[in-house]
């Protein structure tokens, strides 16, 4: 567990991983390496955010 400026950071960085994957897919799509139509990205981000909020309040 890392402690920075009085805050404790623990657990898996889910949001960071989701952003990384979405960014890579988006970049590969823009470079025409893969062809992906991603209309579901906002829904995935909303579901991940709801899960993170739920986990935050569940710990408290």
PDB file of N, CA and C in Angstrom:
ATOM      1  N   UNK A   1       0.856  -1.173   0.000  1.00  0.00           N
ATOM      2  CA  UNK A   1       0.000   0.000   0.000  1.00  0.00           C
ATOM      3  C   UNK A   1       0.902   1.236   0.000  1.00  0.00           C
ATOM      4  N   UNK A   2       0.650   2.123  -0.900  1.00  0.00           N
ATOM      5  CA  UNK A   2       1.424   3.361  -0.987  1.00  0.00           C
ATOM      6  C   UNK A   2       0.685   4.473  -0.254  1.00  0.00           C
ATOM      7  N   UNK A   3       1.468   5.353   0.342  1.00  0.00           N
ATOM      8  CA  UNK A   3       0.863   6.477   1.051  1.00  0.00           C
ATOM      9  C   UNK A   3       1.441   7.770   0.473  1.00  0.00           C
ATOM     10  N   UNK A   4       0.569   8.586  -0.102  1.00  0.00           N
ATOM     11  CA  UNK A   4       0.997   9.844  -0.703  1.00  0.00           C
ATOM     12  C   UNK A   4       0.130  10.956  -0.128  1.00  0.00           C
ATOM     13  N   UNK A   5       0.744  11.929   0.504  1.00  0.00           N
ATOM     14  CA  UNK A   5       0.055  13.104   1.050  1.00  0.00           C
ATOM     15  C   UNK A   5      -1.124  12.716   1.935  1.00  0.00           C
ATOM     16  N   UNK A   6      -0.932  11.694   2.763  1.00  0.00           N
ATOM     17  CA  UNK A   6      -1.966  11.317   3.712  1.00  0.00           C
ATOM     18  C   UNK A   6      -3.060  10.447   3.135  1.00  0.00           C
ATOM     19  N   UNK A   7      -2.957  10.075   1.870  1.00  0.00           N
ATOM     20  CA  UNK A   7      -3.982   9.220   1.261  1.00  0.00           C
ATOM     21  C   UNK A   7      -3.425   7.822   1.070  1.00  0.00           C
ATOM     22  N   UNK A   8      -4.281   6.843   1.223  1.00  0.00           N
ATOM     23  CA  UNK A   8      -3.884   5.455   1.027  1.00  0.00           C
ATOM     24  C   UNK A   8      -4.399   4.995  -0.335  1.00  0.00           C
ATOM     25  N   UNK A   9      -3.524   4.402  -1.118  1.00  0.00           N
ATOM     26  CA  UNK A   9      -3.916   3.879  -2.423  1.00  0.00           C
ATOM     27  C   UNK A   9      -3.736   2.371  -2.393  1.00  0.00           C
ATOM     28  N   UNK A  10      -4.808   1.655  -2.615  1.00  0.00           N
ATOM     29  CA  UNK A  10      -4.743   0.202  -2.621  1.00  0.00           C
ATOM     30  C   UNK A  10      -5.738  -0.330  -3.632  1.00  0.00           C
ATOM     31  N   UNK A  11      -5.549  -1.544  -4.033  1.00  0.00           N
ATOM     32  CA  UNK A  11      -6.460  -2.171  -4.966  1.00  0.00           C
ATOM     33  C   UNK A  11      -5.985  -2.050  -6.395  1.00  0.00           C
ATOM     34  N   UNK A  12      -6.717  -2.670  -7.270  1.00  0.00           N
ATOM     35  CA  UNK A  12      -6.381  -2.702  -8.684  1.00  0.00           C
ATOM     36  C   UNK A  12      -6.880  -1.431  -9.368  1.00  0.00           C
ATOM     37  N   UNK A  13      -6.058  -0.788 -10.197  1.00  0.00           N
ATOM     38  CA  UNK A  13      -6.466   0.464 -10.865  1.00  0.00           C
ATOM     39  C   UNK A  13      -7.394   0.196 -12.057  1.00  0.00           C
ATOM     40  N   UNK A  14      -8.616  -0.163 -11.782  1.00  0.00           N
ATOM     41  CA  UNK A  14      -9.562  -0.579 -12.814  1.00  0.00           C
ATOM     42  C   UNK A  14      -9.798   0.515 -13.843  1.00  0.00           C
ATOM     43  N   UNK A  15     -10.063   1.718 -13.390  1.00  0.00           N
ATOM     44  CA  UNK A  15     -10.372   2.804 -14.319  1.00  0.00           C
ATOM     45  C   UNK A  15      -9.196   3.091 -15.243  1.00  0.00           C
ATOM     46  N   UNK A  16      -7.988   3.041 -14.719  1.00  0.00           N
ATOM     47  CA  UNK A  16      -6.801   3.284 -15.537  1.00  0.00           C
ATOM     48  C   UNK A  16      -6.653   2.215 -16.616  1.00  0.00           C
ATOM     49  N   UNK A  17      -6.919   0.974 -16.273  1.00  0.00           N
ATOM     50  CA  UNK A  17      -6.814  -0.108 -17.251  1.00  0.00           C
ATOM     51  C   UNK A  17      -7.884   0.034 -18.329  1.00  0.00           C
ATOM     52  N   UNK A  18      -9.097   0.379 -17.929  1.00  0.00           N
ATOM     53  CA  UNK A  18     -10.170   0.574 -18.913  1.00  0.00           C
ATOM     54  C   UNK A  18      -9.814   1.717 -19.856  1.00  0.00           C
ATOM     55  N   UNK A  19      -9.326   2.827 -19.323  1.00  0.00           N
ATOM     56  CA  UNK A  19      -8.925   3.948 -20.178  1.00  0.00           C
ATOM     57  C   UNK A  19      -7.797   3.555 -21.120  1.00  0.00           C
ATOM     58  N   UNK A  20      -6.840   2.774 -20.650  1.00  0.00           N
ATOM     59  CA  UNK A  20      -5.737   2.323 -21.484  1.00  0.00           C
ATOM     60  C   UNK A  20      -6.231   1.449 -22.627  1.00  0.00           C
ATOM     61  N   UNK A  21      -7.092   0.504 -22.337  1.00  0.00           N
ATOM     62  CA  UNK A  21      -7.625  -0.391 -23.372  1.00  0.00           C
ATOM     63  C   UNK A  21      -8.447   0.384 -24.390  1.00  0.00           C
ATOM     64  N   UNK A  22      -9.318   1.265 -23.917  1.00  0.00           N
ATOM     65  CA  UNK A  22     -10.131   2.074 -24.835  1.00  0.00           C
ATOM     66  C   UNK A  22      -9.237   2.953 -25.697  1.00  0.00           C
ATOM     67  N   UNK A  23      -8.204   3.542 -25.115  1.00  0.00           N
ATOM     68  CA  UNK A  23      -7.286   4.388 -25.871  1.00  0.00           C
ATOM     69  C   UNK A  23      -6.536   3.608 -26.936  1.00  0.00           C
ATOM     70  N   UNK A  24      -6.086   2.399 -26.595  1.00  0.00           N
ATOM     71  CA  UNK A  24      -5.369   1.570 -27.573  1.00  0.00           C
ATOM     72  C   UNK A  24      -6.288   1.171 -28.716  1.00  0.00           C
ATOM     73  N   UNK A  25      -7.502   0.749 -28.387  1.00  0.00           N
ATOM     74  CA  UNK A  25      -8.460   0.367 -29.440  1.00  0.00           C
ATOM     75  C   UNK A  25      -8.774   1.562 -30.327  1.00  0.00           C
ATOM     76  N   UNK A  26      -8.986   2.715 -29.716  1.00  0.00           N
ATOM     77  CA  UNK A  26      -9.292   3.928 -30.474  1.00  0.00           C
ATOM     78  C   UNK A  26      -8.137   4.293 -31.412  1.00  0.00           C
ATOM     79  N   UNK A  27      -6.896   4.231 -30.904  1.00  0.00           N
ATOM     80  CA  UNK A  27      -5.726   4.544 -31.714  1.00  0.00           C
ATOM     81  C   UNK A  27      -5.583   3.571 -32.881  1.00  0.00           C
ATOM     82  N   UNK A  28      -5.716   2.281 -32.611  1.00  0.00           N
ATOM     83  CA  UNK A  28      -5.601   1.290 -33.679  1.00  0.00           C
ATOM     84  C   UNK A  28      -6.697   1.468 -34.719  1.00  0.00           C
ATOM     85  N   UNK A  29      -7.877   1.882 -34.289  1.00  0.00           N
ATOM     86  CA  UNK A  29      -8.972   2.143 -35.216  1.00  0.00           C
ATOM     87  C   UNK A  29      -8.655   3.363 -36.084  1.00  0.00           C
ATOM     88  N   UNK A  30      -8.118   4.427 -35.485  1.00  0.00           N
ATOM     89  CA  UNK A  30      -7.767   5.630 -36.239  1.00  0.00           C
ATOM     90  C   UNK A  30      -6.628   5.390 -37.225  1.00  0.00           C
ATOM     91  N   UNK A  31      -5.730   4.476 -36.882  1.00  0.00           N
ATOM     92  CA  UNK A  31      -4.612   4.148 -37.763  1.00  0.00           C
ATOM     93  C   UNK A  31      -4.982   3.101 -38.813  1.00  0.00           C
ATOM     94  N   UNK A  32      -6.246   2.693 -38.828  1.00  0.00           N
ATOM     95  CA  UNK A  32      -6.767   1.680 -39.754  1.00  0.00           C
ATOM     96  C   UNK A  32      -6.038   0.352 -39.642  1.00  0.00           C
ATOM     97  N   UNK A  33      -5.531   0.034 -38.464  1.00  0.00           N
ATOM     98  CA  UNK A  33      -4.925  -1.270 -38.218  1.00  0.00           C
ATOM     99  C   UNK A  33      -6.019  -2.285 -37.921  1.00  0.00           C
ATOM    100  N   UNK A  34      -7.011  -1.847 -37.165  1.00  0.00           N
ATOM    101  CA  UNK A  34      -8.205  -2.661 -36.934  1.00  0.00           C
ATOM    102  C   UNK A  34      -9.412  -1.799 -37.263  1.00  0.00           C
ATOM    103  N   UNK A  35     -10.479  -2.436 -37.659  1.00  0.00           N
ATOM    104  CA  UNK A  35     -11.716  -1.715 -37.937  1.00  0.00           C
ATOM    105  C   UNK A  35     -12.746  -2.101 -36.879  1.00  0.00           C
ATOM    106  N   UNK A  36     -13.019  -1.174 -35.980  1.00  0.00           N
ATOM    107  CA  UNK A  36     -13.948  -1.434 -34.890  1.00  0.00           C
ATOM    108  C   UNK A  36     -14.905  -0.261 -34.788  1.00  0.00           C
ATOM    109  N   UNK A  37     -16.175  -0.572 -34.767  1.00  0.00           N
ATOM    110  CA  UNK A  37     -17.186   0.433 -34.490  1.00  0.00           C
ATOM    111  C   UNK A  37     -17.533   0.280 -33.017  1.00  0.00           C
ATOM    112  N   UNK A  38     -17.264   1.299 -32.194  1.00  0.00           N
ATOM    113  CA  UNK A  38     -17.377   1.172 -30.741  1.00  0.00           C
ATOM    114  C   UNK A  38     -18.502   2.051 -30.201  1.00  0.00           C
ATOM    115  N   UNK A  39     -19.755   1.681 -30.467  1.00  0.00           N
ATOM    116  CA  UNK A  39     -20.840   2.499 -29.911  1.00  0.00           C
ATOM    117  C   UNK A  39     -21.091   2.210 -28.434  1.00  0.00           C
ATOM    118  N   UNK A  40     -20.476   1.163 -27.898  1.00  0.00           N
ATOM    119  CA  UNK A  40     -20.737   0.743 -26.528  1.00  0.00           C
ATOM    120  C   UNK A  40     -19.751   1.316 -25.527  1.00  0.00           C
ATOM    121  N   UNK A  41     -18.787   2.099 -25.952  1.00  0.00           N
ATOM    122  CA  UNK A  41     -17.771   2.629 -25.040  1.00  0.00           C
ATOM    123  C   UNK A  41     -18.379   3.453 -23.904  1.00  0.00           C
ATOM    124  N   UNK A  42     -19.305   4.374 -24.166  1.00  0.00           N
ATOM    125  CA  UNK A  42     -19.885   5.124 -23.035  1.00  0.00           C
ATOM    126  C   UNK A  42     -20.562   4.221 -22.007  1.00  0.00           C
ATOM    127  N   UNK A  43     -21.220   3.161 -22.473  1.00  0.00           N
ATOM    128  CA  UNK A  43     -21.876   2.242 -21.539  1.00  0.00           C
ATOM    129  C   UNK A  43     -20.851   1.509 -20.674  1.00  0.00           C
ATOM    130  N   UNK A  44     -19.743   1.098 -21.268  1.00  0.00           N
ATOM    131  CA  UNK A  44     -18.700   0.422 -20.502  1.00  0.00           C
ATOM    132  C   UNK A  44     -18.138   1.355 -19.431  1.00  0.00           C
ATOM    133  N   UNK A  45     -17.863   2.602 -19.805  1.00  0.00           N
ATOM    134  CA  UNK A  45     -17.327   3.562 -18.839  1.00  0.00           C
ATOM    135  C   UNK A  45     -18.328   3.848 -17.720  1.00  0.00           C
ATOM    136  N   UNK A  46     -19.612   3.924 -18.048  1.00  0.00           N
ATOM    137  CA  UNK A  46     -20.642   4.153 -17.033  1.00  0.00           C
ATOM    138  C   UNK A  46     -20.715   2.969 -16.070  1.00  0.00           C
ATOM    139  N   UNK A  47     -20.669   1.751 -16.602  1.00  0.00           N
ATOM    140  CA  UNK A  47     -20.731   0.558 -15.754  1.00  0.00           C
ATOM    141  C   UNK A  47     -19.513   0.477 -14.841  1.00  0.00           C
ATOM    142  N   UNK A  48     -18.328   0.767 -15.372  1.00  0.00           N
ATOM    143  CA  UNK A  48     -17.111   0.749 -14.555  1.00  0.00           C
ATOM    144  C   UNK A  48     -17.196   1.815 -13.468  1.00  0.00           C
ATOM    145  N   UNK A  49     -17.672   3.007 -13.809  1.00  0.00           N
ATOM    146  CA  UNK A  49     -17.793   4.089 -12.824  1.00  0.00           C
ATOM    147  C   UNK A  49     -18.778   3.715 -11.727  1.00  0.00           C
ATOM    148  N   UNK A  50     -19.901   3.122 -12.083  1.00  0.00           N
ATOM    149  CA  UNK A  50     -20.883   2.694 -11.076  1.00  0.00           C
ATOM    150  C   UNK A  50     -20.268   1.637 -10.164  1.00  0.00           C
ATOM    151  N   UNK A  51     -19.531   0.716 -10.741  1.00  0.00           N
ATOM    152  CA  UNK A  51     -18.860  -0.309  -9.934  1.00  0.00           C
ATOM    153  C   UNK A  51     -17.848   0.289  -8.979  1.00  0.00           C
ATOM    154  N   UNK A  52     -17.086   1.276  -9.436  1.00  0.00           N
ATOM    155  CA  UNK A  52     -16.098   1.922  -8.579  1.00  0.00           C
ATOM    156  C   UNK A  52     -16.777   2.681  -7.445  1.00  0.00           C
ATOM    157  N   UNK A  53     -17.869   3.374  -7.737  1.00  0.00           N
ATOM    158  CA  UNK A  53     -18.608   4.108  -6.701  1.00  0.00           C
ATOM    159  C   UNK A  53     -19.188   3.125  -5.684  1.00  0.00           C
ATOM    160  N   UNK A  54     -19.753   2.037  -6.170  1.00  0.00           N
ATOM    161  CA  UNK A  54     -20.325   1.024  -5.278  1.00  0.00           C
ATOM    162  C   UNK A  54     -19.260   0.446  -4.356  1.00  0.00           C
ATOM    163  N   UNK A  55     -18.102   0.107  -4.924  1.00  0.00           N
ATOM    164  CA  UNK A  55     -17.012  -0.445  -4.103  1.00  0.00           C
ATOM    165  C   UNK A  55     -16.495   0.561  -3.093  1.00  0.00           C
ATOM    166  N   UNK A  56     -16.443   1.813  -3.441  1.00  0.00           N
ATOM    167  CA  UNK A  56     -15.958   2.839  -2.522  1.00  0.00           C
ATOM    168  C   UNK A  56     -16.875   2.949  -1.304  1.00  0.00           C
ATOM    169  N   UNK A  57     -18.197   2.948  -1.537  1.00  0.00           N
ATOM    170  CA  UNK A  57     -19.135   3.075  -0.424  1.00  0.00           C
ATOM    171  C   UNK A  57     -19.289   1.770   0.354  1.00  0.00           C
ATOM    172  N   UNK A  58     -19.046   0.652  -0.306  1.00  0.00           N
ATOM    173  CA  UNK A  58     -19.130  -0.639   0.366  1.00  0.00           C
ATOM    174  C   UNK A  58     -18.020  -0.791   1.397  1.00  0.00           C
ATOM    175  N   UNK A  59     -16.827  -0.230   1.126  1.00  0.00           N
ATOM    176  CA  UNK A  59     -15.700  -0.302   2.056  1.00  0.00           C
ATOM    177  C   UNK A  59     -15.908   0.575   3.276  1.00  0.00           C
ATOM    178  N   UNK A  60     -16.628   1.686   3.101  1.00  0.00           N
ATOM    179  CA  UNK A  60     -16.781   2.651   4.197  1.00  0.00           C
ATOM    180  C   UNK A  60     -17.751   2.202   5.246  1.00  0.00           C
TER     181      UNK A  60
END
